[in-house]
């Protein structure tokens, strides 16, 4: 249920009918007309820019046109009880009582789906995809939550979503990881010193993995690395992925698919992908120039297969082969995305870390080439997270090694606080995460403030022994909102717009920000009764006005829907 769409259709249809009367020759830009909630000082329910939109295209004074449109609306639209012209030509609209009640009823009836914008598409969302060489770090944590909440949001809108994890289990970093486990086994079982080597992983979790392998396979001779490589690789990766999956589980995150890079290589999917691009004339043999601004003594001008990614908006064409003729990491990624395209998703979404910004154009070009521009790839980058405690930067974990692990975060604060606060700023800016602030029980802690609003509503219901779902208005009832209730109801009306905007641009931070604003309005509404007895909710153990129950019902509906999308719990008591 979206009141903006409903009333906008009324307006657009009326303009079409009264085109001649209003002396409008050009209404092609009618689609640019929109409805918004006006600022509080105007005390109106809706604001429309129609006079300015049509005034510009018809070379008419917007204010003069607004006066004419106003008269037509007041005569023909029974849902509008008053209209005021503001600023350069905005029409500020007051809904009739009947329209107001009907809109509120529609919200209550829609309940758990209020705000949903049914789009019915299929999405593949790839997120986290951390190298399986150790536990998740804090940066992965932000991307993981962003991907999970985006999935929830798109599902809320009626889309089918596959949440996918791409396991980077191929390449030098895996060899180094397995070697690290191997040398820890040598240290534990044979008392050999762990090598001082920058390529090895120093974290104590490596020692945990080594001890687990020794315990489970006591009879194996681990002295020969090459002989035991495949066995150690399987065991080490399983252990590492279990660490990652456990971290994700503690954050409330599960994936539908896990896709292995090693499988891509074993199934020869790279050769198939390259052949497909060759057939489309998007691959050629040639030479690449060395990277600009870099001096690399190992660079060789070698003839190799090159993807003509500049045809699809990339800055440079990209190598599919290394100097030695083996496939590049990018070639493996092209093959993986060929598999994605073959699974017939409407949209592909990749959630990337801050260090992958430069990778976006080339992989987007590859998807365009593989799908002949039929499949859209949207890449979203999650910037770095800085942790603070006691006003100081948070120290890294010795167990993780040279980074702050997701487990460090989980050990300090609960899942709800992490999920909410990781989304409290736009994904494309750095995030400061203050442990002290998210533990406060105050207005300065947004997740607490939203949860507290819901707990207050439930405390009121318990005291009245009532159920909100039964309180649906009747059009004929005497129904009058006070100024605080009007503000809240207008904010409630805005919820579908928030969902639509967050869905269209993947601006997930708009949801926690909106929930905090709504909760702030509610707390002001609640506290007013302490200052003025006329605003008290309860008198002689009974609700003073039926409008109170209606308003708190609306607030509860939106908070429930919003926090479900965020994956944050709502305690009944606090």
Protein backbone atom coordinates (compact mmCIF):
# COMPACT_ATOMS: atom_id res chain seq x y z
CA UNK A 1 0.00 0.00 0.00
CA UNK A 2 1.57 3.28 -1.13
CA UNK A 3 -0.52 6.42 -0.61
CA UNK A 4 1.80 8.43 -2.87
CA UNK A 5 1.14 6.15 -5.85
CA UNK A 6 -2.59 6.10 -5.14
CA UNK A 7 -3.04 9.87 -4.94
CA UNK A 8 -0.54 10.55 -7.74
CA UNK A 9 -2.68 8.50 -10.12
CA UNK A 10 -5.67 10.63 -9.10
CA UNK A 11 -3.75 13.78 -9.91
CA UNK A 12 -2.34 12.54 -13.23
CA UNK A 13 -5.72 11.32 -14.44
CA UNK A 14 -7.39 14.61 -13.55
CA UNK A 15 -4.76 16.58 -15.47
CA UNK A 16 -5.33 14.40 -18.53
CA UNK A 17 -9.08 15.04 -18.34
CA UNK A 18 -8.69 18.81 -17.79
CA UNK A 19 -5.79 19.40 -20.17
CA UNK A 20 -7.70 21.87 -22.36
CA UNK A 21 -9.33 23.67 -19.47
CA UNK A 22 -5.93 24.31 -17.94
CA UNK A 23 -4.51 25.33 -21.37
CA UNK A 24 -1.77 22.74 -21.25
CA UNK A 25 -0.31 21.84 -24.63
CA UNK A 26 2.53 19.64 -23.39
CA UNK A 27 2.04 17.05 -20.64
CA UNK A 28 4.70 14.58 -21.78
CA UNK A 29 6.65 15.23 -18.59
CA UNK A 30 3.72 14.29 -16.36
CA UNK A 31 5.80 11.30 -15.21
CA UNK A 32 8.14 13.78 -13.45
CA UNK A 33 5.35 14.86 -11.11
CA UNK A 34 5.78 13.49 -7.60
CA UNK A 35 4.31 13.66 -4.12
CA UNK A 36 6.29 14.18 -0.95
CA UNK A 37 5.66 14.83 2.72
CA UNK A 38 5.99 18.62 3.24
CA UNK A 39 8.04 20.08 6.12
CA UNK A 40 6.30 20.08 9.51
CA UNK A 41 5.78 23.84 9.62
CA UNK A 42 3.21 23.63 6.80
CA UNK A 43 0.95 21.15 8.67
CA UNK A 44 -0.17 19.48 5.43
CA UNK A 45 -0.15 15.80 4.47
CA UNK A 46 1.24 15.90 0.93
CA UNK A 47 3.17 18.25 -1.32
CA UNK A 48 3.04 18.14 -5.12
CA UNK A 49 5.38 19.74 -7.68
CA UNK A 50 2.95 19.47 -10.63
CA UNK A 51 2.60 23.22 -11.27
CA UNK A 52 6.37 23.66 -11.59
CA UNK A 53 6.79 20.59 -13.82
CA UNK A 54 3.99 21.52 -16.23
CA UNK A 55 4.65 25.25 -15.95
CA UNK A 56 8.17 24.77 -17.29
CA UNK A 57 7.16 22.59 -20.26
CA UNK A 58 4.25 24.91 -21.17
CA UNK A 59 6.08 28.20 -20.51
CA UNK A 60 3.52 29.21 -17.87
CA UNK A 61 4.05 30.93 -14.55
CA UNK A 62 4.07 28.05 -11.98
CA UNK A 63 2.19 30.03 -9.31
CA UNK A 64 -0.53 31.09 -11.74
CA UNK A 65 -0.86 27.51 -12.99
CA UNK A 66 -0.90 26.25 -9.39
CA UNK A 67 -3.96 28.43 -8.65
CA UNK A 68 -5.86 26.95 -11.61
CA UNK A 69 -4.86 23.37 -10.74
CA UNK A 70 -5.85 24.00 -7.13
CA UNK A 71 -9.40 24.91 -8.12
CA UNK A 72 -9.74 21.81 -10.30
CA UNK A 73 -8.43 19.52 -7.55
CA UNK A 74 -10.70 20.94 -4.84
CA UNK A 75 -13.77 20.49 -7.09
CA UNK A 76 -12.93 17.04 -8.44
CA UNK A 77 -10.84 15.16 -5.84
CA UNK A 78 -12.93 14.33 -2.78
CA UNK A 79 -9.85 12.95 -0.99
CA UNK A 80 -8.42 16.50 -0.75
CA UNK A 81 -9.99 18.81 1.83
CA UNK A 82 -7.65 21.80 1.54
CA UNK A 83 -4.83 22.92 -0.76
CA UNK A 84 -2.29 25.69 -0.17
CA UNK A 85 0.19 27.15 -2.64
CA UNK A 86 3.69 27.38 -1.18
CA UNK A 87 7.06 28.63 -2.36
CA UNK A 88 7.58 28.73 -6.14
CA UNK A 89 4.39 26.79 -6.83
CA UNK A 90 4.18 23.68 -4.62
CA UNK A 91 0.66 22.45 -3.87
CA UNK A 92 0.44 21.48 -0.21
CA UNK A 93 -2.49 19.12 0.23
CA UNK A 94 -4.59 18.23 3.27
CA UNK A 95 -6.29 14.85 3.05
CA UNK A 96 -9.94 14.57 3.89
CA UNK A 97 -10.80 12.67 7.05
CA UNK A 98 -12.26 9.86 4.96
CA UNK A 99 -9.06 9.61 2.88
CA UNK A 100 -6.93 9.71 6.02
CA UNK A 101 -8.92 6.91 7.63
CA UNK A 102 -8.92 4.82 4.46
CA UNK A 103 -5.15 5.16 4.16
CA UNK A 104 -4.64 4.16 7.78
CA UNK A 105 -6.98 1.20 7.41
CA UNK A 106 -5.08 0.05 4.34
CA UNK A 107 -1.81 0.14 6.29
CA UNK A 108 -3.24 -1.86 9.18
CA UNK A 109 -4.75 -4.41 6.83
CA UNK A 110 -1.49 -4.82 4.86
CA UNK A 111 0.45 -5.12 8.15
CA UNK A 112 3.52 -7.33 7.53
CA UNK A 113 3.81 -6.33 3.86
CA UNK A 114 3.25 -2.59 4.36
CA UNK A 115 5.85 -0.74 2.33
CA UNK A 116 6.52 -3.61 -0.07
CA UNK A 117 6.96 -2.63 -3.71
CA UNK A 118 6.23 -5.79 -5.68
CA UNK A 119 8.83 -6.12 -8.45
CA UNK A 120 9.05 -9.94 -9.01
CA UNK A 121 12.64 -10.21 -10.30
CA UNK A 122 15.40 -12.74 -9.70
CA UNK A 123 18.68 -11.71 -8.06
CA UNK A 124 21.99 -13.40 -7.41
CA UNK A 125 23.79 -11.55 -4.62
CA UNK A 126 27.41 -12.54 -4.09
CA UNK A 127 28.80 -11.27 -0.82
CA UNK A 128 31.59 -11.82 1.69
CA UNK A 129 33.69 -14.09 -0.59
CA UNK A 130 36.60 -13.72 1.81
CA UNK A 131 39.70 -15.76 1.06
CA UNK A 132 39.29 -19.00 3.05
CA UNK A 133 42.64 -18.51 4.71
CA UNK A 134 41.35 -17.50 8.12
CA UNK A 135 38.49 -15.93 10.03
CA UNK A 136 36.52 -12.96 8.78
CA UNK A 137 37.86 -9.49 9.53
CA UNK A 138 35.75 -6.45 10.34
CA UNK A 139 35.68 -5.25 6.73
CA UNK A 140 34.16 -8.57 5.66
CA UNK A 141 31.65 -8.13 8.46
CA UNK A 142 30.29 -4.90 7.00
CA UNK A 143 29.98 -6.39 3.50
CA UNK A 144 28.35 -9.53 4.90
CA UNK A 145 25.66 -7.57 6.72
CA UNK A 146 25.10 -5.28 3.75
CA UNK A 147 24.62 -8.27 1.42
CA UNK A 148 22.30 -10.08 3.84
CA UNK A 149 20.10 -7.02 4.46
CA UNK A 150 19.96 -6.23 0.75
CA UNK A 151 18.73 -9.79 0.23
CA UNK A 152 16.08 -9.30 2.92
CA UNK A 153 14.97 -6.02 1.35
CA UNK A 154 14.64 -7.48 -2.14
CA UNK A 155 12.74 -10.49 -0.76
CA UNK A 156 10.43 -8.10 1.09
CA UNK A 157 9.63 -6.60 -2.31
CA UNK A 158 8.61 -10.00 -3.68
CA UNK A 159 11.82 -10.85 -5.53
CA UNK A 160 13.54 -14.24 -5.64
CA UNK A 161 17.04 -13.95 -4.21
CA UNK A 162 19.99 -16.36 -4.17
CA UNK A 163 22.68 -15.50 -1.61
CA UNK A 164 26.03 -16.77 -2.87
CA UNK A 165 29.55 -17.08 -1.46
CA UNK A 166 32.44 -17.41 -3.93
CA UNK A 167 35.24 -19.41 -2.30
CA UNK A 168 38.63 -18.17 -3.52
CA UNK A 169 40.26 -21.56 -2.91
CA UNK A 170 42.75 -21.48 -5.78
CA UNK A 171 46.07 -19.71 -6.23
CA UNK A 172 49.20 -18.75 -4.29
CA UNK A 173 47.37 -17.54 -1.17
CA UNK A 174 45.94 -21.06 -0.70
CA UNK A 175 49.37 -22.64 -1.09
CA UNK A 176 50.74 -20.20 1.51
CA UNK A 177 47.84 -20.96 3.82
CA UNK A 178 48.35 -24.73 3.59
CA UNK A 179 52.08 -24.26 4.11
CA UNK A 180 51.32 -22.27 7.26
CA UNK A 181 49.22 -25.13 8.61
CA UNK A 182 51.94 -27.61 7.59
CA UNK A 183 54.67 -25.74 9.47
CA UNK A 184 52.45 -25.43 12.55
CA UNK A 185 52.04 -29.20 12.43
CA UNK A 186 55.85 -29.51 12.23
CA UNK A 187 56.12 -27.21 15.23
CA UNK A 188 53.55 -29.09 17.33
CA UNK A 189 54.31 -32.70 16.35
CA UNK A 190 58.01 -32.62 15.52
CA UNK A 191 59.15 -29.60 17.60
CA UNK A 192 60.45 -27.79 14.51
CA UNK A 193 60.65 -24.00 14.62
CA UNK A 194 57.94 -22.12 12.70
CA UNK A 195 59.72 -20.31 9.81
CA UNK A 196 60.13 -16.55 9.78
CA UNK A 197 58.49 -16.03 6.40
CA UNK A 198 56.27 -13.09 5.34
CA UNK A 199 54.25 -15.36 3.03
CA UNK A 200 53.01 -17.46 5.96
CA UNK A 201 49.94 -16.65 8.07
CA UNK A 202 50.89 -15.80 11.68
CA UNK A 203 47.53 -16.03 13.47
CA UNK A 204 47.03 -18.45 16.34
CA UNK A 205 43.97 -19.82 14.51
CA UNK A 206 46.49 -21.58 12.21
CA UNK A 207 47.78 -23.41 15.28
CA UNK A 208 44.19 -24.37 16.20
CA UNK A 209 43.66 -25.85 12.72
CA UNK A 210 46.98 -27.75 12.93
CA UNK A 211 46.09 -29.21 16.33
CA UNK A 212 42.69 -30.31 15.05
CA UNK A 213 44.22 -32.08 12.04
CA UNK A 214 46.80 -33.85 14.23
CA UNK A 215 44.12 -34.99 16.66
CA UNK A 216 41.85 -36.34 13.89
CA UNK A 217 44.65 -38.01 11.89
CA UNK A 218 47.23 -39.18 14.41
CA UNK A 219 48.71 -41.93 12.26
CA UNK A 220 49.67 -39.76 9.30
CA UNK A 221 53.28 -38.83 8.62
CA UNK A 222 53.18 -35.08 7.98
CA UNK A 223 56.88 -34.58 7.22
CA UNK A 224 56.49 -34.42 3.41
CA UNK A 225 54.62 -31.29 2.28
CA UNK A 226 54.16 -32.22 -1.39
CA UNK A 227 52.94 -35.69 -0.52
CA UNK A 228 50.33 -34.36 1.94
CA UNK A 229 49.40 -31.15 0.11
CA UNK A 230 45.98 -32.17 -1.23
CA UNK A 231 45.02 -33.80 2.06
CA UNK A 232 46.14 -30.77 4.09
CA UNK A 233 44.44 -28.39 1.66
CA UNK A 234 41.08 -30.12 2.05
CA UNK A 235 41.34 -30.31 5.85
CA UNK A 236 42.64 -26.75 6.25
CA UNK A 237 40.03 -25.21 3.96
CA UNK A 238 37.22 -27.10 5.67
CA UNK A 239 38.39 -25.82 9.05
CA UNK A 240 38.82 -22.27 7.79
CA UNK A 241 35.43 -22.20 6.07
CA UNK A 242 33.85 -23.50 9.28
CA UNK A 243 35.37 -20.53 11.11
CA UNK A 244 33.87 -18.18 8.52
CA UNK A 245 30.48 -19.91 8.53
CA UNK A 246 30.35 -19.77 12.33
CA UNK A 247 31.15 -16.05 12.29
CA UNK A 248 28.41 -15.51 9.73
CA UNK A 249 25.96 -17.58 11.74
CA UNK A 250 26.63 -15.47 14.84
CA UNK A 251 25.79 -12.42 12.74
CA UNK A 252 22.53 -14.06 11.63
CA UNK A 253 23.75 -14.77 8.08
CA UNK A 254 23.45 -17.89 5.96
CA UNK A 255 24.13 -18.43 2.25
CA UNK A 256 22.16 -20.45 -0.28
CA UNK A 257 25.16 -21.39 -2.46
CA UNK A 258 28.90 -21.82 -2.00
CA UNK A 259 30.78 -21.73 -5.32
CA UNK A 260 34.39 -22.95 -5.47
CA UNK A 261 37.07 -21.34 -7.66
CA UNK A 262 38.88 -24.71 -7.71
CA UNK A 263 35.80 -26.29 -9.31
CA UNK A 264 35.98 -23.68 -12.06
CA UNK A 265 39.52 -24.75 -12.85
CA UNK A 266 38.81 -28.50 -12.59
CA UNK A 267 35.76 -28.27 -14.87
CA UNK A 268 37.74 -26.23 -17.42
CA UNK A 269 35.12 -23.48 -17.32
CA UNK A 270 37.71 -20.81 -18.12
CA UNK A 271 38.45 -22.32 -21.52
CA UNK A 272 34.70 -22.48 -22.22
CA UNK A 273 34.19 -18.85 -21.20
CA UNK A 274 37.11 -17.66 -23.32
CA UNK A 275 35.83 -19.66 -26.28
CA UNK A 276 32.41 -18.09 -25.89
CA UNK A 277 33.94 -14.61 -25.95
CA UNK A 278 36.11 -15.58 -28.94
CA UNK A 279 33.04 -16.62 -30.89
CA UNK A 280 31.58 -13.18 -30.23
CA UNK A 281 34.87 -11.58 -31.38
CA UNK A 282 35.52 -10.11 -27.92
CA UNK A 283 38.90 -11.84 -27.45
CA UNK A 284 42.11 -11.37 -29.43
CA UNK A 285 45.79 -12.29 -29.24
CA UNK A 286 47.93 -9.26 -28.59
CA UNK A 287 50.23 -7.31 -26.33
CA UNK A 288 49.46 -5.19 -23.31
CA UNK A 289 51.42 -2.20 -22.11
CA UNK A 290 52.88 -2.36 -18.58
CA UNK A 291 50.70 -0.81 -15.84
CA UNK A 292 50.90 2.99 -15.90
CA UNK A 293 53.04 4.60 -13.23
CA UNK A 294 54.57 1.28 -12.16
CA UNK A 295 58.13 0.01 -12.56
CA UNK A 296 58.09 -3.76 -12.71
CA UNK A 297 61.32 -5.57 -13.55
CA UNK A 298 59.36 -8.79 -13.99
CA UNK A 299 57.12 -7.34 -16.69
CA UNK A 300 57.52 -8.97 -20.07
CA UNK A 301 55.87 -7.91 -23.31
CA UNK A 302 54.26 -11.25 -24.03
CA UNK A 303 51.68 -12.19 -26.62
CA UNK A 304 48.59 -13.42 -24.83
CA UNK A 305 44.80 -13.64 -24.99
CA UNK A 306 43.17 -10.31 -24.26
CA UNK A 307 39.52 -9.50 -23.50
CA UNK A 308 38.40 -6.39 -25.39
CA UNK A 309 36.67 -4.91 -22.37
CA UNK A 310 36.93 -1.35 -23.70
CA UNK A 311 34.04 -2.27 -26.00
CA UNK A 312 31.90 -2.39 -22.86
CA UNK A 313 33.01 0.75 -21.07
CA UNK A 314 36.25 -0.36 -19.40
CA UNK A 315 39.29 1.94 -19.39
CA UNK A 316 41.66 -0.73 -20.73
CA UNK A 317 41.50 -4.13 -22.36
CA UNK A 318 42.30 -6.95 -19.91
CA UNK A 319 44.68 -9.89 -19.96
CA UNK A 320 43.18 -13.35 -19.68
CA UNK A 321 46.62 -14.99 -19.47
CA UNK A 322 49.76 -14.42 -17.44
CA UNK A 323 53.27 -14.28 -18.89
CA UNK A 324 53.58 -18.04 -18.59
CA UNK A 325 50.32 -18.68 -20.44
CA UNK A 326 48.28 -19.72 -17.38
CA UNK A 327 44.93 -18.09 -16.71
CA UNK A 328 44.72 -14.89 -14.72
CA UNK A 329 42.51 -14.49 -11.66
CA UNK A 330 40.30 -12.30 -13.85
CA UNK A 331 39.87 -15.15 -16.34
CA UNK A 332 38.65 -17.41 -13.52
CA UNK A 333 36.23 -14.68 -12.47
CA UNK A 334 34.94 -14.35 -16.04
CA UNK A 335 34.21 -18.09 -16.05
CA UNK A 336 32.39 -17.81 -12.72
CA UNK A 337 30.20 -15.01 -14.04
CA UNK A 338 29.50 -17.00 -17.19
CA UNK A 339 28.03 -19.63 -14.89
CA UNK A 340 25.96 -16.95 -13.15
CA UNK A 341 24.63 -15.66 -16.47
CA UNK A 342 23.71 -19.21 -17.50
CA UNK A 343 21.49 -19.46 -14.42
CA UNK A 344 19.14 -16.82 -15.88
CA UNK A 345 19.05 -14.17 -13.16
CA UNK A 346 17.54 -10.78 -14.01
CA UNK A 347 20.18 -9.07 -11.94
CA UNK A 348 23.59 -9.91 -10.54
CA UNK A 349 24.92 -8.06 -7.50
CA UNK A 350 28.49 -8.23 -6.21
CA UNK A 351 29.31 -6.80 -2.79
CA UNK A 352 32.99 -5.85 -2.84
CA UNK A 353 35.56 -4.70 -0.33
CA UNK A 354 37.20 -1.28 -0.37
CA UNK A 355 40.27 -2.64 -2.20
CA UNK A 356 38.24 -3.90 -5.18
CA UNK A 357 37.00 -0.58 -6.58
CA UNK A 358 39.29 -0.82 -9.59
CA UNK A 359 37.92 -4.23 -10.46
CA UNK A 360 34.34 -3.12 -11.12
CA UNK A 361 34.61 -1.92 -14.72
CA UNK A 362 36.33 -5.04 -16.03
CA UNK A 363 33.96 -7.58 -14.45
CA UNK A 364 30.92 -5.47 -15.42
CA UNK A 365 32.25 -5.45 -18.99
CA UNK A 366 32.66 -9.24 -18.88
CA UNK A 367 29.03 -9.76 -17.80
CA UNK A 368 27.82 -7.42 -20.54
CA UNK A 369 29.86 -9.34 -23.12
CA UNK A 370 28.78 -12.78 -21.90
CA UNK A 371 25.08 -11.86 -21.80
CA UNK A 372 24.99 -9.51 -24.81
CA UNK A 373 23.94 -6.75 -22.39
CA UNK A 374 20.90 -8.73 -21.24
CA UNK A 375 22.09 -9.32 -17.68
CA UNK A 376 22.85 -6.38 -15.40
CA UNK A 377 25.69 -6.52 -12.87
CA UNK A 378 25.57 -4.04 -10.01
CA UNK A 379 28.71 -3.78 -7.89
CA UNK A 380 28.52 -2.14 -4.46
CA UNK A 381 31.66 -1.34 -2.49
CA UNK A 382 31.66 -1.38 1.31
CA UNK A 383 34.31 0.95 2.68
CA UNK A 384 36.52 0.36 5.70
CA UNK A 385 35.37 0.10 9.31
CA UNK A 386 37.31 1.80 12.10
CA UNK A 387 36.73 0.48 15.61
CA UNK A 388 37.00 2.61 18.74
CA UNK A 389 36.89 1.76 22.44
CA UNK A 390 37.34 4.20 25.32
CA UNK A 391 37.96 6.90 22.74
CA UNK A 392 40.95 5.03 21.28
CA UNK A 393 41.41 2.88 18.17
CA UNK A 394 40.66 -0.75 18.99
CA UNK A 395 43.70 -3.07 19.07
CA UNK A 396 43.94 -6.07 16.78
CA UNK A 397 43.51 -9.63 17.96
CA UNK A 398 46.62 -11.78 18.48
CA UNK A 399 44.55 -14.82 17.58
CA UNK A 400 43.60 -13.41 14.18
CA UNK A 401 47.08 -12.24 13.36
CA UNK A 402 47.44 -8.89 11.62
CA UNK A 403 43.79 -7.83 11.48
CA UNK A 404 40.75 -7.25 13.70
CA UNK A 405 38.47 -10.24 13.36
CA UNK A 406 34.70 -10.33 13.18
CA UNK A 407 34.84 -12.45 16.34
CA UNK A 408 36.52 -9.53 18.16
CA UNK A 409 33.47 -7.47 17.28
CA UNK A 410 30.99 -10.20 18.23
CA UNK A 411 32.69 -10.67 21.59
CA UNK A 412 32.23 -6.98 22.41
CA UNK A 413 28.65 -6.27 21.31
CA UNK A 414 25.61 -8.30 20.31
CA UNK A 415 24.46 -9.19 16.81
CA UNK A 416 21.63 -6.63 16.79
CA UNK A 417 23.93 -3.71 17.52
CA UNK A 418 26.46 -4.85 14.92
CA UNK A 419 23.87 -5.29 12.15
CA UNK A 420 22.12 -1.98 12.83
CA UNK A 421 25.26 0.12 13.23
CA UNK A 422 27.04 -1.37 10.20
CA UNK A 423 24.18 -0.01 8.09
CA UNK A 424 23.89 3.34 9.83
CA UNK A 425 26.05 5.07 7.23
CA UNK A 426 26.15 4.78 3.46
CA UNK A 427 28.23 1.81 2.31
CA UNK A 428 30.51 4.02 0.18
CA UNK A 429 31.93 6.01 3.13
CA UNK A 430 34.15 4.83 5.97
CA UNK A 431 32.34 3.83 9.15
CA UNK A 432 33.44 4.64 12.70
CA UNK A 433 32.16 1.94 15.06
CA UNK A 434 32.28 3.05 18.69
CA UNK A 435 31.88 0.14 21.15
CA UNK A 436 30.95 2.46 24.00
CA UNK A 437 28.19 4.22 22.08
CA UNK A 438 26.45 1.00 20.98
CA UNK A 439 26.34 -0.18 24.59
CA UNK A 440 24.63 2.96 25.85
CA UNK A 441 20.96 2.86 26.75
CA UNK A 442 20.21 6.32 25.42
CA UNK A 443 19.06 8.32 22.42
CA UNK A 444 22.66 8.33 21.20
CA UNK A 445 22.45 4.58 20.56
CA UNK A 446 20.11 4.25 17.54
CA UNK A 447 19.47 0.50 17.79
CA UNK A 448 18.55 0.78 21.48
CA UNK A 449 16.26 3.74 20.78
CA UNK A 450 14.30 1.85 18.08
CA UNK A 451 14.06 -1.31 20.19
CA UNK A 452 12.97 0.77 23.19
CA UNK A 453 10.13 2.34 21.19
CA UNK A 454 8.80 -1.12 20.38
CA UNK A 455 9.22 -2.27 24.00
CA UNK A 456 7.27 0.77 25.20
CA UNK A 457 4.42 -0.05 22.83
CA UNK A 458 4.31 -3.60 24.17
CA UNK A 459 4.38 -2.41 27.79
CA UNK A 460 1.33 -0.24 27.06
CA UNK A 461 -0.50 -3.15 25.46
CA UNK A 462 0.29 -5.42 28.42
CA UNK A 463 -1.11 -2.85 30.83
CA UNK A 464 -4.30 -2.62 28.76
CA UNK A 465 -4.45 -6.36 28.03
CA UNK A 466 -5.35 -5.59 24.41
CA UNK A 467 -4.40 -6.67 20.91
CA UNK A 468 -3.63 -4.10 18.25
CA UNK A 469 -4.58 -6.21 15.27
CA UNK A 470 -8.26 -5.88 16.16
CA UNK A 471 -8.24 -2.11 16.09
CA UNK A 472 -9.24 -1.28 12.51
CA UNK A 473 -11.02 1.99 12.04
CA UNK A 474 -14.49 2.54 10.73
CA UNK A 475 -15.01 5.38 8.25
CA UNK A 476 -17.92 6.70 10.23
CA UNK A 477 -16.10 6.97 13.52
CA UNK A 478 -15.22 10.31 15.03
CA UNK A 479 -11.50 10.34 14.54
CA UNK A 480 -9.26 13.28 15.41
CA UNK A 481 -5.50 13.30 15.59
CA UNK A 482 -3.55 15.76 17.70
CA UNK A 483 -0.48 17.52 16.29
CA UNK A 484 1.96 14.86 17.52
CA UNK A 485 -0.14 12.07 16.05
CA UNK A 486 -0.39 13.88 12.72
CA UNK A 487 3.42 14.09 12.55
CA UNK A 488 3.77 10.38 13.26
CA UNK A 489 1.11 9.34 10.75
CA UNK A 490 2.77 11.41 8.04
CA UNK A 491 6.06 9.72 8.86
CA UNK A 492 4.32 6.35 8.61
CA UNK A 493 2.98 7.31 5.16
CA UNK A 494 6.57 7.92 4.08
CA UNK A 495 7.69 4.31 4.71
CA UNK A 496 6.91 2.92 1.20
CA UNK A 497 8.98 5.75 -0.31
CA UNK A 498 11.92 4.81 1.92
CA UNK A 499 11.65 1.19 0.81
CA UNK A 500 11.37 2.16 -2.85
CA UNK A 501 14.39 4.46 -2.69
CA UNK A 502 16.51 1.99 -0.71
CA UNK A 503 15.61 -0.79 -3.19
CA UNK A 504 16.26 1.26 -6.33
CA UNK A 505 19.68 2.57 -5.32
CA UNK A 506 20.64 -0.09 -2.73
CA UNK A 507 20.94 2.74 -0.21
CA UNK A 508 20.33 0.53 2.81
CA UNK A 509 21.35 3.18 5.36
CA UNK A 510 18.06 4.96 4.69
CA UNK A 511 16.18 2.24 6.58
CA UNK A 512 17.90 2.48 10.01
CA UNK A 513 18.00 6.27 9.67
CA UNK A 514 14.24 6.38 9.03
CA UNK A 515 13.50 3.96 11.90
CA UNK A 516 15.50 6.15 14.25
CA UNK A 517 13.59 9.26 13.14
CA UNK A 518 10.24 7.50 13.57
CA UNK A 519 11.23 6.21 17.01
CA UNK A 520 12.32 9.71 18.05
CA UNK A 521 8.89 11.09 17.11
CA UNK A 522 7.24 8.28 19.06
CA UNK A 523 9.34 8.90 22.20
CA UNK A 524 8.45 12.61 22.10
CA UNK A 525 4.79 11.61 21.73
CA UNK A 526 5.09 9.20 24.67
CA UNK A 527 6.91 11.64 26.94
CA UNK A 528 4.48 14.51 26.32
CA UNK A 529 2.06 12.88 28.76
CA UNK A 530 4.56 13.43 31.57
CA UNK A 531 4.41 17.18 30.92
CA UNK A 532 0.75 17.63 30.05
CA UNK A 533 -2.08 15.45 31.43
CA UNK A 534 -4.11 16.11 28.26
CA UNK A 535 -1.58 13.99 26.38
CA UNK A 536 -1.56 11.03 28.77
CA UNK A 537 -2.28 7.68 27.12
CA UNK A 538 -4.04 6.00 30.05
CA UNK A 539 -6.60 7.27 32.55
CA UNK A 540 -8.26 5.07 35.17
CA UNK A 541 -6.58 2.00 33.60
CA UNK A 542 -8.24 2.71 30.25
CA UNK A 543 -6.96 4.22 27.01
CA UNK A 544 -8.00 7.85 26.87
CA UNK A 545 -8.54 8.03 23.09
CA UNK A 546 -8.88 5.35 20.41
CA UNK A 547 -6.52 7.40 18.20
CA UNK A 548 -3.64 6.49 20.53
CA UNK A 549 -4.04 2.78 19.85
CA UNK A 550 -4.24 3.46 16.13
CA UNK A 551 -1.02 5.50 16.10
CA UNK A 552 1.00 3.03 18.16
CA UNK A 553 -0.30 0.23 15.92
CA UNK A 554 1.07 2.03 12.87
CA UNK A 555 4.41 2.62 14.59
CA UNK A 556 4.63 -1.03 15.64
CA UNK A 557 3.87 -2.24 12.09
CA UNK A 558 6.65 -0.17 10.53
CA UNK A 559 9.23 -0.91 13.23
CA UNK A 560 8.50 -4.64 12.91
CA UNK A 561 8.83 -4.57 9.12
CA UNK A 562 11.95 -2.40 9.18
CA UNK A 563 13.80 -4.38 11.82
CA UNK A 564 12.92 -7.67 10.11
CA UNK A 565 14.59 -6.36 6.94
CA UNK A 566 17.64 -5.36 9.01
CA UNK A 567 17.67 -8.75 10.74
CA UNK A 568 17.52 -7.10 14.17
CA UNK A 569 15.45 -8.55 17.00
CA UNK A 570 12.67 -6.70 18.82
CA UNK A 571 12.43 -7.54 22.53
CA UNK A 572 9.02 -7.03 24.16
CA UNK A 573 10.68 -5.80 27.34
CA UNK A 574 13.82 -3.73 28.00
